[in-house]
Protein backbone atom coordinates (compact mmCIF):
# COMPACT_ATOMS: atom_id res chain seq x y z
CA LEU A 1 259.69 222.00 -8.19
CA ASN A 2 261.42 223.85 -5.35
CA LEU A 3 262.13 227.54 -5.51
CA SER A 4 264.30 229.46 -2.98
CA ALA A 5 262.70 232.22 -1.17
CA ALA A 6 265.37 234.67 -2.47
CA GLU A 7 264.18 233.80 -6.11
CA TYR A 8 260.40 234.09 -5.47
CA PRO A 9 260.17 236.14 -2.22
CA SER A 10 256.24 237.10 -2.89
CA PHE A 11 255.26 233.49 -3.15
CA HIS A 12 254.95 233.52 0.65
CA SER A 13 251.85 235.80 0.66
CA GLN A 14 250.09 233.42 -1.76
CA LEU A 15 250.56 230.11 0.19
CA PRO A 16 247.07 229.26 1.46
CA GLY A 17 248.18 227.76 4.79
CA LYS A 18 251.51 229.61 5.33
CA TYR A 19 253.73 226.84 6.07
CA ASN A 20 251.56 225.59 9.01
CA THR A 21 254.22 223.44 10.35
CA ASP A 22 253.15 220.56 12.44
CA ALA A 23 256.02 220.32 15.00
CA ASP A 24 256.20 219.36 18.58
CA ILE A 25 254.36 216.92 20.62
CA VAL A 26 251.38 216.85 18.42
CA ASP A 27 253.16 216.23 15.23
CA GLY A 28 256.68 216.63 14.52
CA GLU A 29 258.76 217.71 11.72
CA ARG A 30 256.42 218.35 8.84
CA ALA A 31 255.80 221.80 7.45
CA ASP A 32 252.44 221.21 6.33
CA ALA A 33 250.66 221.20 2.77
CA ASP A 34 251.50 224.75 2.06
CA GLY A 35 254.59 225.32 3.70
CA ILE A 36 258.41 225.17 3.79
CA ALA A 37 260.95 222.60 4.53
CA GLY A 38 264.36 223.45 5.65
CA GLY A 39 264.10 227.21 4.08
CA VAL A 40 262.66 225.89 0.75
CA ILE A 41 259.22 226.58 -0.39
CA ALA A 42 257.12 224.54 -2.68
CA GLY A 43 257.25 226.11 -6.08
CA TYR A 44 253.88 227.39 -7.01
CA GLY A 45 252.12 230.83 -6.88
CA VAL A 46 249.60 232.95 -8.84
CA GLU A 47 252.60 234.96 -10.41
CA ASN A 48 253.55 231.73 -12.39
CA ASN A 49 250.37 230.42 -13.87
CA ALA A 50 252.52 227.95 -15.87
CA LEU A 51 253.26 226.13 -12.66
CA LEU A 52 249.59 226.10 -11.72
CA THR A 53 248.50 224.51 -14.97
CA SER A 54 250.84 221.60 -14.53
CA PRO A 55 248.89 218.62 -12.73
CA LYS A 56 252.21 217.51 -11.02
CA ASN A 57 252.54 220.82 -9.34
CA ILE A 58 248.87 221.16 -8.32
CA ASN A 59 249.29 217.62 -6.69
CA ASN A 60 252.37 218.90 -4.93
CA MET A 61 250.32 221.61 -3.36
CA THR A 62 248.60 219.08 -1.27
CA SER A 63 251.61 217.05 -0.42
CA THR A 64 253.74 217.56 2.72
CA PRO A 65 257.10 218.92 2.48
CA TYR A 66 259.28 216.90 4.76
CA ILE A 67 262.42 217.67 6.82
CA SER A 68 264.19 214.25 7.22
CA GLY A 69 265.27 213.00 10.62
CA LEU A 70 263.02 214.93 12.90
CA ASP A 71 260.31 212.05 12.90
CA GLY A 72 262.93 209.82 14.52
CA LEU A 73 263.72 212.52 17.03
CA ARG A 74 260.14 212.78 17.92
CA ALA A 75 259.70 209.05 18.38
CA ILE A 76 262.72 209.05 20.63
CA ALA A 77 261.05 211.91 22.70
CA ALA A 78 257.79 209.93 22.93
CA LEU A 79 259.49 206.64 23.94
CA ALA A 80 261.59 208.61 26.53
CA VAL A 81 258.25 209.99 28.09
CA PHE A 82 256.80 206.38 27.93
CA PHE A 83 259.76 204.83 29.81
CA VAL A 84 259.56 207.41 32.49
CA HIS A 85 256.30 206.35 33.72
CA PHE A 86 257.19 202.70 33.06
CA GLN A 87 259.94 202.97 35.48
CA GLN A 88 257.85 204.66 38.03
CA PHE A 89 255.25 201.99 37.78
CA THR A 90 257.50 199.23 37.84
CA GLY A 91 260.53 200.45 40.13
CA ILE A 92 263.14 198.77 38.01
CA GLY A 93 266.66 200.07 37.89
CA GLY A 94 270.22 198.81 37.38
CA SER A 95 273.64 200.17 36.49
CA PHE A 96 276.62 199.23 34.37
CA LEU A 97 280.07 200.67 35.42
CA PHE A 98 279.23 204.47 35.68
CA ILE A 99 275.86 204.20 33.81
CA ASP A 100 272.67 204.34 35.90
CA PHE A 101 269.87 203.00 33.91
CA GLU A 102 267.38 203.87 36.66
CA ARG A 103 268.41 207.62 36.51
CA TRP A 104 268.36 207.24 32.72
CA MET A 105 264.86 206.21 32.51
CA VAL A 106 263.79 208.79 35.18
CA ASN A 107 265.41 211.47 33.08
CA GLY A 108 263.39 210.34 30.09
CA ASN A 109 261.10 213.29 30.90
CA THR A 110 263.63 215.23 29.03
CA GLY A 111 261.65 214.01 26.09
CA VAL A 112 259.30 216.81 26.79
CA ALA A 113 262.18 219.26 26.52
CA LEU A 114 262.77 217.74 22.99
CA PHE A 115 259.31 218.17 22.01
CA PHE A 116 259.39 221.73 22.89
CA VAL A 117 262.45 222.33 21.00
CA LEU A 118 261.19 220.79 18.02
CA SER A 119 257.91 222.94 18.41
CA GLY A 120 260.20 226.09 18.60
CA PHE A 121 262.14 225.07 15.67
CA LEU A 122 259.34 224.26 13.32
CA LEU A 123 256.62 226.57 13.97
CA SER A 124 259.08 229.61 13.83
CA MET A 125 260.66 228.42 10.55
CA PRO A 126 257.70 230.27 8.34
CA PHE A 127 258.12 233.37 10.46
CA TRP A 128 262.04 233.43 10.17
CA HIS A 129 261.55 233.02 6.40
CA SER A 130 259.32 236.09 6.23
CA PHE A 131 262.23 238.25 7.17
CA LYS A 132 263.71 237.31 3.55
CA SER A 133 260.24 237.30 1.84
CA ASN A 134 259.12 240.54 3.59
CA GLU A 135 255.58 238.74 3.73
CA PHE A 136 254.38 237.83 7.11
CA PRO A 137 252.57 234.50 7.37
CA ASN A 138 248.75 234.22 7.32
CA ILE A 139 247.87 234.13 11.09
CA LYS A 140 244.37 233.12 10.67
CA ARG A 141 245.42 230.02 8.73
CA TYR A 142 248.18 229.28 11.33
CA PHE A 143 245.65 229.14 14.28
CA ILE A 144 243.18 227.11 12.27
CA ASN A 145 245.74 224.50 11.52
CA ARG A 146 247.26 224.47 15.11
CA ALA A 147 243.79 224.01 16.62
CA ALA A 148 243.03 221.18 14.03
CA ARG A 149 246.18 219.47 14.83
CA ILE A 150 245.90 219.45 18.58
CA ILE A 151 242.35 219.57 19.69
CA PRO A 152 240.48 216.62 18.29
CA LEU A 153 242.59 213.74 19.63
CA TYR A 154 242.91 215.67 22.77
CA TYR A 155 239.26 216.03 23.31
CA LEU A 156 238.68 212.52 22.26
CA CYS A 157 241.09 211.32 24.84
CA LEU A 158 239.89 213.77 27.57
CA PHE A 159 236.21 212.92 27.20
CA GLY A 160 237.04 209.19 26.59
CA PHE A 161 238.79 209.27 30.07
CA LEU A 162 235.95 211.09 31.83
CA ALA A 163 233.35 208.49 30.35
CA ILE A 164 235.36 205.65 31.59
CA LYS A 165 235.44 207.22 35.06
CA GLY A 166 231.69 207.73 34.83
CA PHE A 167 232.23 211.66 35.29
CA GLN A 168 232.79 210.83 38.98
CA GLY A 169 235.75 211.64 41.13
CA SER A 170 237.18 214.53 43.22
CA ASP A 171 238.96 215.86 40.11
CA VAL A 172 235.87 215.66 37.97
CA ASP A 173 234.11 219.11 38.37
CA PHE A 174 232.94 221.98 36.04
CA ASN A 175 235.98 224.23 36.74
CA ASN A 176 238.59 221.35 36.00
CA ILE A 177 236.74 220.24 32.68
CA ILE A 178 236.41 223.70 31.34
CA SER A 179 240.04 224.72 32.29
CA HIS A 180 241.16 221.45 30.36
CA LEU A 181 239.04 222.37 27.21
CA LEU A 182 240.46 225.80 27.12
CA PHE A 183 244.16 224.69 28.02
CA PHE A 184 244.46 226.59 31.20
CA HIS A 185 244.65 223.66 33.45
CA ASN A 186 248.40 224.35 34.41
CA LEU A 187 247.30 227.50 36.22
CA LYS A 188 246.04 225.69 39.41
CA ASP A 189 247.98 223.15 41.38
CA TYR A 190 245.23 220.66 41.67
CA GLN A 191 244.41 220.68 38.07
CA VAL A 192 247.88 220.32 36.49
CA MET A 193 248.08 216.56 36.76
CA SER A 194 244.34 215.65 37.80
CA LEU A 195 242.93 213.82 34.80
CA ASN A 196 245.83 212.60 32.74
CA PRO A 197 249.34 213.93 33.79
CA PRO A 198 250.73 214.22 30.13
CA PHE A 199 248.02 216.71 29.46
CA TRP A 200 249.83 219.53 31.29
CA THR A 201 252.29 219.87 28.20
CA LEU A 202 249.46 220.37 25.86
CA ALA A 203 248.39 223.42 27.78
CA VAL A 204 251.97 224.89 27.62
CA GLU A 205 252.19 224.04 23.95
CA PHE A 206 248.90 225.76 23.08
CA GLN A 207 249.74 228.84 25.09
CA PHE A 208 252.88 228.88 23.03
CA TYR A 209 250.93 228.62 19.84
CA ILE A 210 249.16 231.78 20.80
CA LEU A 211 252.16 233.67 21.87
CA LEU A 212 254.42 232.90 18.94
CA PRO A 213 252.90 235.07 16.17
CA PHE A 214 252.63 238.16 18.51
CA PHE A 215 256.28 237.56 19.45
CA PHE A 216 257.32 237.66 15.88
CA VAL A 217 255.31 240.75 15.21
CA LEU A 218 257.79 242.67 17.34
CA LEU A 219 260.79 240.85 15.95
CA PHE A 220 259.62 241.39 12.40
CA LYS A 221 260.39 245.25 13.03
CA LEU A 222 263.98 244.67 13.88
CA GLY A 223 265.46 242.83 10.91
CA LEU A 224 266.95 239.37 10.96
CA ARG A 225 270.10 239.71 12.64
CA LYS A 226 268.68 242.10 15.64
CA ALA A 227 265.94 239.46 15.81
CA GLN A 228 268.27 236.56 16.34
CA PHE A 229 270.41 238.51 18.98
CA LEU A 230 267.16 239.51 20.86
CA CYS A 231 265.90 235.75 20.71
CA PHE A 232 269.38 234.75 22.24
CA LEU A 233 269.00 237.28 24.96
CA LEU A 234 265.55 236.41 25.77
CA ILE A 235 266.60 232.71 26.49
CA LEU A 236 268.77 234.22 29.35
CA ILE A 237 266.53 236.99 30.39
CA ILE A 238 263.53 234.72 30.73
CA TYR A 239 265.47 232.07 32.77
CA LEU A 240 267.03 234.52 34.96
CA SER A 241 263.52 236.26 35.58
CA ASP A 242 261.85 232.83 36.24
CA ARG A 243 264.81 232.18 38.69
CA TYR A 244 264.27 235.24 40.51
CA PHE A 245 260.63 234.97 40.79
CA MET A 246 260.82 231.20 42.06
CA TYR A 247 263.54 232.27 44.70
CA GLN A 248 260.80 235.04 45.93
CA MET A 249 258.34 232.34 46.18
CA THR A 250 260.48 230.25 48.36
CA LEU A 251 260.65 233.29 50.76
CA ASN A 252 256.87 233.78 50.83
CA GLU A 253 254.87 232.54 53.86
CA ALA A 254 251.36 233.46 52.97
CA TRP A 255 250.23 230.27 51.35
CA PRO A 256 247.91 229.53 49.49
CA ILE A 257 247.86 232.17 46.73
CA ASN A 258 244.72 232.50 44.86
CA ILE A 259 244.28 235.11 42.02
CA PRO A 260 240.85 235.05 40.49
CA LEU A 261 240.65 235.88 36.55
CA ILE A 262 237.79 235.75 34.27
CA TRP A 263 235.22 233.27 35.72
CA PRO A 264 235.79 230.27 36.03
CA PHE A 265 239.56 230.67 35.56
CA GLY A 266 241.90 231.71 38.15
CA ILE A 267 245.45 231.15 39.53
CA SER A 268 245.80 228.86 42.58
CA ILE A 269 249.28 228.22 44.08
CA GLY A 270 249.75 226.08 47.18
CA SER A 271 253.43 226.35 47.80
CA ALA A 272 256.90 227.51 46.29
CA SER A 273 256.97 223.93 44.65
CA GLY A 274 253.42 224.12 43.46
CA GLN A 275 252.80 222.39 40.18
CA SER A 276 251.35 225.48 38.56
CA LEU A 277 254.76 227.20 39.01
CA THR A 278 256.71 224.22 37.99
CA TYR A 279 254.59 223.32 34.87
CA SER A 280 253.99 226.95 33.75
CA LEU A 281 254.47 228.24 30.17
CA PHE A 282 257.22 230.89 31.51
CA ALA A 283 259.50 227.97 32.99
CA HIS A 284 259.59 226.52 29.62
CA LEU A 285 259.95 229.38 27.24
CA PRO A 286 263.60 229.25 27.06
CA HIS A 287 263.30 225.61 25.60
CA PHE A 288 261.09 226.99 22.81
CA LEU A 289 263.26 229.92 22.08
CA ILE A 290 266.37 227.60 21.79
CA GLY A 291 264.44 225.85 18.95
CA MET A 292 263.41 229.21 17.40
CA LEU A 293 266.90 230.40 17.44
CA ALA A 294 268.18 227.13 15.78
CA ALA A 295 265.47 227.54 13.17
CA SER A 296 266.80 231.13 12.22
CA PHE A 297 270.22 229.55 11.24
CA TYR A 298 268.84 226.49 9.47
CA LYS A 299 270.03 225.44 6.00
CA SER A 300 269.17 222.26 4.31
CA LYS A 301 272.57 221.14 3.22
CA THR A 302 274.40 217.95 4.08
CA SER A 303 277.53 218.72 6.21
CA THR A 304 280.22 216.68 7.76
CA TRP A 305 280.55 219.03 10.74
CA ALA A 306 276.83 218.59 11.29
CA GLU A 307 277.18 214.85 11.49
CA ILE A 308 280.06 215.15 13.99
CA LEU A 309 278.04 217.83 16.07
CA PHE A 310 275.04 215.48 16.08
CA TRP A 311 276.82 212.32 17.32
CA LEU A 312 278.84 214.33 20.05
CA SER A 313 275.78 216.01 21.19
CA ALA A 314 273.59 212.71 21.64
CA LEU A 315 276.56 211.19 23.46
CA MET A 316 276.76 214.25 25.79
CA VAL A 317 272.98 214.20 26.44
CA PHE A 318 273.26 210.48 27.27
CA ALA A 319 276.23 210.93 29.60
CA ILE A 320 274.51 213.73 31.43
CA LEU A 321 271.15 211.90 31.83
CA ALA A 322 272.74 208.48 32.72
CA THR A 323 275.47 209.47 35.27
CA LYS A 324 275.98 211.66 38.14
CA LEU A 325 276.62 214.72 35.84
CA ASP A 326 273.03 215.01 35.99
CA GLU A 327 273.37 216.36 39.58
CA THR A 328 275.83 218.88 38.81
CA LEU A 329 275.03 220.18 35.17
CA GLN A 330 271.89 221.82 36.29
CA LEU A 331 271.05 225.48 37.14
CA ALA A 332 268.79 226.40 39.94
CA PHE A 333 265.00 226.32 38.98
CA GLY A 334 266.15 225.17 35.40
CA ARG A 335 263.89 222.63 33.84
CA TYR A 336 265.45 219.59 32.26
CA ASN A 337 269.11 220.29 33.12
CA PHE A 338 268.82 223.71 31.76
CA PRO A 339 270.81 225.25 29.98
CA PHE A 340 273.05 222.24 29.07
CA VAL A 341 270.74 219.47 27.82
CA PRO A 342 268.22 221.97 26.10
CA LEU A 343 271.13 223.30 24.28
CA LEU A 344 272.43 220.05 23.19
CA LEU A 345 268.76 219.19 22.07
CA GLY A 346 268.73 222.32 20.00
CA VAL A 347 271.99 221.21 18.22
CA LEU A 348 270.59 217.74 17.54
CA VAL A 349 267.28 219.20 15.92
CA PHE A 350 269.37 221.58 13.91
CA CYS A 351 272.01 219.12 12.75
CA ALA A 352 269.73 216.00 12.17
CA PRO A 353 268.42 216.98 8.87
CA GLN A 354 271.96 217.98 7.69
CA THR A 355 273.44 214.66 8.47
CA ARG A 356 273.81 211.52 6.51
CA TRP A 357 274.30 208.49 8.83
CA ALA A 358 272.39 209.95 11.66
CA ARG A 359 269.50 210.77 9.45
CA ASN A 360 269.44 207.28 7.90
CA CYS A 361 269.30 206.08 11.51
CA LEU A 362 266.40 208.42 12.36
CA GLU A 363 264.55 207.48 9.17
CA PHE A 364 264.60 203.86 10.10
CA ALA A 365 260.92 202.91 9.19
CA PRO A 366 259.79 201.51 12.72
CA LEU A 367 261.26 204.56 14.47
CA LYS A 368 259.60 206.91 11.70
CA TRP A 369 256.27 205.18 12.16
CA ILE A 370 256.45 205.80 15.91
CA GLY A 371 257.28 209.45 15.19
CA ILE A 372 254.32 209.80 13.18
CA ILE A 373 251.96 208.44 15.61
CA SER A 374 253.82 210.05 18.65
CA TYR A 375 250.84 212.32 19.62
CA GLY A 376 248.75 209.37 20.28
CA VAL A 377 251.55 207.62 22.08
CA TYR A 378 251.97 210.58 24.26
CA VAL A 379 248.49 211.12 25.34
CA PHE A 380 247.42 207.48 25.69
CA HIS A 381 250.41 205.81 27.11
CA TYR A 382 249.82 206.90 30.75
CA PRO A 383 246.18 205.70 31.06
CA ILE A 384 247.13 202.37 29.44
CA GLN A 385 249.92 201.78 31.77
CA LYS A 386 247.75 202.70 34.84
CA ALA A 387 244.95 200.34 33.62
CA MET A 388 247.47 197.56 33.14
CA LEU A 389 248.84 198.16 36.58
CA LYS A 390 245.50 197.53 37.97
CA ALA A 391 244.92 194.48 35.86
CA PHE A 392 248.35 192.96 37.01
CA SER A 393 247.17 193.66 40.63
CA ILE A 394 243.92 191.98 40.03
CA LEU A 395 245.80 188.88 38.58
CA ASN A 396 248.28 189.06 41.50
CA TRP A 397 251.23 189.82 39.28
CA ASP A 398 253.99 191.85 40.69
CA VAL A 399 254.80 194.42 37.84
CA THR A 400 258.39 194.44 39.22
CA GLU A 401 258.85 190.66 38.73
CA GLN A 402 257.02 190.81 35.38
CA ALA A 403 258.35 194.00 34.07
CA LEU A 404 259.11 192.65 30.56
CA LEU A 405 255.61 191.43 30.35
CA TYR A 406 254.26 194.71 31.57
CA LEU A 407 256.38 196.45 29.02
CA LEU A 408 255.38 194.42 26.10
CA VAL A 409 251.69 194.46 26.96
CA THR A 410 251.61 198.33 27.61
CA LEU A 411 253.86 199.30 24.63
CA THR A 412 251.91 197.14 22.35
CA LEU A 413 248.60 198.59 23.39
CA THR A 414 249.97 202.09 23.26
CA LEU A 415 251.11 201.61 19.67
CA ILE A 416 247.90 199.83 18.43
CA ILE A 417 245.73 202.47 19.89
CA SER A 418 247.89 205.31 18.71
CA HIS A 419 247.93 203.89 15.17
CA ALA A 420 244.23 203.58 15.27
CA SER A 421 243.65 207.15 16.35
CA TYR A 422 246.08 208.53 13.85
CA ARG A 423 244.29 206.73 10.77
CA LEU A 424 240.63 207.43 12.13
CA VAL A 425 241.09 210.80 13.78
CA GLU A 426 244.17 212.84 13.05
CA ARG A 427 244.90 212.09 9.30
CA PRO A 428 241.25 212.50 8.10
CA ILE A 429 240.86 215.70 9.95
CA LEU A 430 244.33 217.12 8.77
CA HIS A 431 243.41 216.02 5.03
CA ARG A 432 240.07 217.72 5.35
CA PHE A 433 241.73 221.07 6.41
CA LYS A 434 244.42 220.85 3.82
CA GLN A 435 241.91 220.11 1.15
CA SER A 436 239.77 223.10 2.17
CA SER A 437 242.96 225.28 2.19
CA SER A 438 244.15 224.17 -1.21
CA SER A 439 240.71 224.60 -2.73
CA LYS A 440 240.60 228.30 -1.67
CA PHE A 441 244.15 228.68 -3.25
CA LEU A 442 243.12 227.14 -6.55
CA ARG A 443 239.91 229.22 -6.77
CA LYS A 444 242.12 232.36 -6.07
CA ALA A 445 244.64 231.18 -8.68
CA HIS A 446 241.81 230.60 -11.16
CA THR A 447 240.80 234.18 -11.39
CA ASN A 448 244.34 235.21 -12.41
CA SER A 449 245.07 232.22 -14.69
CA LYS A 450 245.16 232.32 -18.44
CA GLU A 451 244.26 228.70 -18.65
CA GLU A 452 241.23 228.57 -16.27
CA PRO A 453 239.84 225.14 -17.58
CA ASN A 454 243.01 223.17 -16.99
CA VAL A 455 243.42 224.72 -13.58
CA MET A 456 239.90 223.86 -12.56
CA GLN A 457 239.97 220.50 -13.98
CA ALA A 458 243.12 219.51 -12.13
CA SER A 459 241.68 221.16 -8.97
CA LYS A 460 238.59 218.84 -9.33
CA MET A 461 240.75 215.68 -9.83
CA ASN A 462 243.08 216.69 -6.86
CA SER A 463 240.03 217.25 -4.53
CA LYS A 464 238.84 213.81 -5.25
CA LYS A 465 242.05 212.03 -4.51
CA MET A 466 242.62 214.11 -1.29
CA VAL A 467 239.26 213.63 0.44
CA SER A 468 237.46 210.38 -0.04
CA ASN A 469 234.19 208.91 1.68
CA ILE A 470 236.61 206.85 4.08
CA TYR A 471 237.70 210.18 5.54
CA ARG A 472 234.26 212.03 5.85
CA LYS A 473 232.52 209.59 7.96
CA PRO A 474 235.32 209.27 10.87
CA ILE A 475 235.26 213.10 10.71
CA LYS A 476 231.51 213.35 11.25
CA THR A 477 231.49 210.69 13.87
CA VAL A 478 234.29 212.16 15.91
CA PHE A 479 232.72 215.63 15.79
CA ILE A 480 229.44 214.45 16.80
CA THR A 481 230.81 212.23 19.48
CA ILE A 482 232.95 215.14 21.05
CA VAL A 483 230.07 217.53 20.92
CA SER A 484 227.68 215.03 22.58
CA LEU A 485 230.14 214.09 25.36
CA SER A 486 230.80 217.84 25.84
CA ALA A 487 226.98 218.63 26.19
CA ILE A 488 226.37 215.62 28.68
CA ALA A 489 229.40 216.57 30.90
CA ILE A 490 228.47 220.00 31.05
CA VAL A 491 224.83 219.54 31.74
CA TYR A 492 225.52 216.94 34.28
CA LEU A 493 228.18 219.19 36.27
CA MET A 494 225.86 222.11 35.99
CA GLN A 495 222.88 220.30 37.58
CA THR A 496 224.97 219.05 40.45
CA SER A 497 225.05 221.85 43.03
CA GLN A 498 227.39 220.27 45.40
CA PRO A 499 229.61 217.41 44.47
CA LYS A 500 229.41 214.22 46.06
CA MET A 501 232.60 213.52 47.99
CA THR A 502 233.34 209.95 49.10
CA VAL A 503 236.45 208.96 50.96
CA GLU A 504 237.66 205.60 49.78
CA GLN A 505 240.73 203.66 50.65
CA ALA A 506 243.47 203.97 47.90
CA TYR A 507 243.70 200.65 46.11
CA TRP A 508 247.33 200.51 47.14
CA ALA A 509 246.69 200.67 50.85
CA GLY A 510 247.16 197.31 52.58
CA SER A 511 249.47 196.27 49.78
CA ASN A 512 252.04 193.74 51.11
CA SER A 513 254.53 194.80 48.23
CA ASP A 514 257.90 195.97 49.72
CA ARG A 515 258.74 198.26 46.76
CA MET A 516 258.62 201.89 46.82
CA ILE A 517 257.38 204.01 44.21
CA PHE A 518 257.23 207.83 44.86
CA ASP A 519 254.71 210.37 43.65
CA HIS A 520 254.89 209.96 39.99
CA HIS A 521 252.55 212.94 39.41
CA ALA A 522 254.89 215.65 41.07
CA HIS A 523 258.01 213.53 40.59
CA THR A 524 258.83 214.39 44.23
CA THR A 525 259.71 212.31 47.43
CA TYR A 526 257.91 212.52 50.78
CA SER A 527 259.72 210.01 52.69
CA ASP A 528 262.55 212.22 54.05
CA GLY A 529 262.61 210.51 57.37
CA GLN A 530 260.91 213.21 59.29
CA LYS A 531 257.39 211.99 58.95
CA SER A 532 255.59 209.13 60.49
CA ILE A 533 253.92 206.51 58.39
CA GLU A 534 250.45 207.83 59.27
CA GLU A 535 251.58 211.40 58.09
CA LEU A 536 253.10 210.04 54.96
CA SER A 537 250.05 208.08 54.07
CA GLU A 538 247.79 211.00 54.59
CA LEU A 539 249.89 213.37 52.58
CA ALA A 540 250.29 210.77 49.76
CA TYR A 541 246.60 210.50 49.49
CA ILE A 542 245.80 214.13 49.67
CA LYS A 543 248.38 214.88 46.97
CA GLY A 544 246.73 212.21 44.88
CA CYS A 545 249.47 209.69 44.87
CA ASP A 546 248.08 206.34 43.80
CA ALA A 547 251.35 204.40 43.54
CA PHE A 548 252.67 204.61 46.97
CA SER A 549 253.65 202.09 49.38
CA ILE A 550 255.94 201.70 52.48
């Protein structure tokens, strides 16, 4: 049973998890077990005990309200990022008429912008709904759910990667590991891309998670219309502020800039094009705000205009990313063709659930499946591609000539590992937290219910269905593994007073390959014709470029 917020505004204060939307990179478009979906709240609350005593509605409390179409968009975003690195490793390209497929794949990093817009859209939805209900979401539950969603798989990937490296290497030090654990690794240039390049977005995401509730605390006092207007203004203000700041950085001559914070954290910027500036939260806040603004106007109704706008926006995004429009439709210091492409992405996210044909396409089973496991796809694809690149090198296979085989192997492995991690890590942990949240809600409802035996009986039956033994064992195993690896890593690093530095020849040095792959970490080019081969090689090695040849 679904009830509108206008009919039952006080239900918001009774929902145990307060919408807990799983948006973004790490989930997608679900408004969690206790949340809303498209402006509709699941119909249960302690004010209506008749609803609680219905086993059907008690089961609904542990189901996941769903906004159709956004899983497909999340899958497209994850695959776009996958093909960015695929193109960088293989160097393949091609064109047809005015369409440049190489440019299109390189611009797949726009998938990150789509993730950010999705985050802003879904995570802000319960907060926007509070303007009608006059009940602010449960902040404690919000933070718990966010941490439960993003941290377990991230830590598993992080420590798994460190274990494979044997906790060795120039980028494996105490400060870097602690910064990654606490999502501050985008504050120092050398840490941003140091362990696994896709991790930088998780730092930005987590910082946005922290900022979002405090942002709405201020907006909540303004009223809905003023809050929407301020959200729109902030998109412009933040971009212009960042643009002015970045311009001032280009005039600065005193490099590097080192600002110590609370030990062991600090800010370290090597140049005006430093990665800590490029990949900061401030540079990407406009993308989140676009999603937030779209959520404030969202209505779950099918519309012909939404269908038309969706396909027009999709066509325009493709035209910009795959043609020379990419070079012109881009403001200075704007990320991902800002504001043109991010605004179009906001339209796509806003319209997708309100369409008919587009929604059916986005709900196509394989695409939806990739969307569900997209968090794993995002964090695992790069290490897998890199490992397979070395495997191909050992077998003397050229990845450019064997690009199709390389694509099939890396994509298959990525999907298999992502699916396994979803089944064994992500889903069990999410179910455990949802079960805990629902149990607390039912206990609270029990004290107010006139039909207490029926409620408690339904609660016990539902708890048994939700969390079985097959889920408890993986959760315990993952927790013990993470704690053990953390302890081993920290003890090892603290006992090592001075890091052991070894200079080794990069594996690409001496390669006879005639292909050219630029620094795929920083997405920049150093071959400007003004440097000698020796200078280029030294610069590439210092910058950590491991796929560079002349």
